[in-house]
Every structure is written in C-alpha cells, then in structure tokens.
Protein backbone atom coordinates (compact mmCIF):
# COMPACT_ATOMS: atom_id res chain seq x y z
CA MET A 1 -19.90 -29.05 15.71
CA ASN A 2 -17.42 -26.84 17.52
CA GLU A 3 -17.12 -26.94 21.27
CA GLN A 4 -16.84 -23.73 23.26
CA ALA A 5 -15.48 -23.34 26.76
CA TYR A 6 -16.57 -20.67 29.20
CA ALA A 7 -14.85 -19.21 32.24
CA LEU A 8 -17.49 -18.19 34.76
CA GLU A 9 -16.56 -15.51 37.29
CA VAL A 10 -19.23 -15.21 39.98
CA ASP A 11 -18.84 -12.02 41.97
CA LYS A 12 -20.64 -12.04 45.28
CA ASN A 13 -19.44 -8.84 46.90
CA THR A 14 -16.05 -7.72 45.60
CA ARG A 15 -17.29 -4.13 45.53
CA SER A 16 -14.00 -3.00 44.08
CA THR A 17 -13.65 -2.19 40.43
CA ARG A 18 -9.88 -2.32 40.79
CA ASN A 19 -9.87 -5.87 42.23
CA PHE A 20 -12.38 -6.98 39.63
CA LEU A 21 -10.23 -5.59 36.80
CA LYS A 22 -7.20 -7.43 38.19
CA LYS A 23 -9.12 -10.69 37.71
CA ILE A 24 -10.13 -9.77 34.16
CA LEU A 25 -6.61 -8.68 33.24
CA ALA A 26 -5.30 -11.97 34.64
CA TYR A 27 -7.68 -13.91 32.38
CA ASP A 28 -6.66 -11.75 29.43
CA GLY A 29 -2.96 -12.10 30.17
CA ILE A 30 -3.20 -15.87 30.33
CA GLN A 31 -4.99 -16.10 26.99
CA THR A 32 -2.88 -13.42 25.29
CA ARG A 33 0.28 -15.42 26.09
CA GLY A 34 -1.32 -18.43 24.43
CA ALA A 35 -1.70 -20.22 27.74
CA LYS A 36 -4.89 -21.84 28.90
CA ILE A 37 -7.36 -21.12 31.70
CA TYR A 38 -7.76 -24.38 33.59
CA GLY A 39 -6.50 -26.24 30.53
CA ILE A 40 -8.89 -24.46 28.14
CA ALA A 41 -7.87 -22.12 25.33
CA ASP A 42 -10.03 -19.25 24.06
CA ALA A 43 -12.66 -19.40 26.77
CA ILE A 44 -15.47 -16.88 26.62
CA ILE A 45 -15.49 -15.08 29.95
CA LEU A 46 -18.88 -14.85 31.67
CA ILE A 47 -19.36 -12.52 34.63
CA SER A 48 -22.24 -12.85 37.07
CA ALA A 49 -22.84 -10.44 39.94
CA ALA A 50 -25.58 -10.23 42.55
CA ASP A 51 -25.72 -6.43 42.68
CA PRO A 52 -26.96 -4.86 39.38
CA LYS A 53 -25.19 -1.55 40.12
CA TRP A 54 -21.86 -3.26 40.57
CA LEU A 55 -22.47 -5.41 37.50
CA GLU A 56 -22.91 -2.23 35.46
CA ARG A 57 -19.76 -0.71 36.99
CA TYR A 58 -17.81 -3.82 36.10
CA ARG A 59 -19.16 -3.82 32.56
CA ALA A 60 -18.29 -0.14 32.09
CA SER A 61 -14.79 -0.64 33.45
CA VAL A 62 -14.12 -3.61 31.16
CA LYS A 63 -15.39 -1.62 28.18
CA GLN A 64 -12.80 1.08 28.92
CA LEU A 65 -10.02 -1.52 28.76
CA ARG A 66 -10.88 -2.31 25.12
CA LEU A 67 -9.66 -5.87 25.39
CA ASP A 68 -9.77 -8.15 22.39
CA ARG A 69 -11.63 -10.70 24.45
CA GLN A 70 -15.19 -11.96 24.65
CA ILE A 71 -16.53 -10.90 28.04
CA TRP A 72 -20.24 -11.11 28.80
CA PHE A 73 -22.26 -10.05 31.84
CA ALA A 74 -25.48 -11.19 33.53
CA SER A 75 -27.00 -10.58 36.93
CA THR A 76 -27.33 -13.50 39.30
CA GLU A 77 -31.06 -12.80 39.45
CA GLN A 78 -31.42 -13.06 35.64
CA ILE A 79 -29.56 -16.36 35.67
CA LYS A 80 -31.80 -17.70 38.46
CA ARG A 81 -34.92 -16.67 36.51
CA GLU A 82 -33.96 -17.71 32.98
CA GLY A 83 -31.03 -20.09 33.42
CA ALA A 84 -27.43 -19.58 32.38
CA THR A 85 -28.18 -20.77 28.85
CA GLY A 86 -31.01 -18.24 28.38
CA ALA A 87 -30.72 -14.87 26.67
CA VAL A 88 -29.25 -13.14 29.72
CA TRP A 89 -25.71 -12.26 28.56
CA ALA A 90 -24.84 -8.70 27.49
CA ASN A 91 -21.57 -6.90 26.97
CA GLY A 92 -22.34 -3.24 26.60
CA SER A 93 -25.56 -3.03 24.70
CA GLU A 94 -29.04 -3.66 26.03
CA LYS A 95 -29.49 -6.64 23.71
CA LYS A 96 -29.00 -9.93 25.50
CA TYR A 97 -27.74 -13.17 24.01
CA SER A 98 -27.95 -16.83 24.93
CA LEU A 99 -24.88 -19.04 25.22
CA ARG A 100 -25.96 -20.65 21.97
CA ASP A 101 -25.88 -17.23 20.27
CA LEU A 102 -22.42 -16.55 21.68
CA THR A 103 -21.14 -19.96 20.64
CA PHE A 104 -22.63 -20.57 17.22
CA CYS A 105 -23.64 -17.18 15.84
CA PRO A 106 -25.75 -18.66 12.99
CA TYR A 107 -26.50 -15.41 11.13
CA CYS A 108 -23.11 -13.76 10.84
CA LYS A 109 -19.38 -14.29 10.75
CA ASP A 110 -18.00 -14.81 14.26
CA ARG A 111 -15.75 -11.74 14.44
CA ASN A 112 -18.41 -9.48 12.93
CA PHE A 113 -20.98 -10.74 15.46
CA TYR A 114 -18.95 -9.53 18.42
CA GLU A 115 -18.48 -6.14 16.79
CA ILE A 116 -22.23 -5.87 16.14
CA ALA A 117 -22.97 -7.01 19.70
CA GLY A 118 -21.09 -4.06 21.09
CA LYS A 119 -17.72 -5.55 21.98
C-alpha cells in the first residue's frame, strides 16, 4: 500500500488572493525543484478556509495558474461537519472527493483521475 503525504494550509483570514498565491507558488517551487515540504516529497496540497467566498476566490486564482500540482479545497465548516477524511475536497468542479479517493483512486489511472476531477 502506498503512503501519501498532505500539506494542509488553513487560511483563517488572509483575505488577499496575492498573499495566498505566494504561499501556493512557494509550495509549487519547492516541489518543482525536487525538494521536500517538511521532509515530504509529492505532497497533495489541501486548502481549508473559513470564508466560503474567499475559498472560491482562492480556488479560481489557483486554477488560473495551471500548476501541475494536486491542490484541493474544502471549507472549514465542511471539515467540521464531515471530517477531513470525508468527501469534502474539490478542486474546480462541484464533485467532492475524500482523501481516500485522492490517494488511491481505485477506478482509474492516477494521472487520468486528476484530469477527470477538473485539475
């Protein structure tokens, strides 16, 4: 069984798309150079935000970057209700996935899954 690491970015009130994107580009830059985030390679980046409007702004801004990186979003409220492992993670489509779905993808090839999921 493969192990998967996650980098969780919890945004409380950044309220700045520019500052948020700096964080995301820093994560991307680290992984693109082959370095590790806190000693972990190829982490899936999970973003949680308290304000649903800002969460959507962040998701839209990341989509415009067209990074070759797995970045998933969930509201803090969804995580409180269903747990971080529940089907709360989305990345541009309305369909939500669980961490298990993101990690194991049992019904498709990994790369194809992320394309289908609206990367």
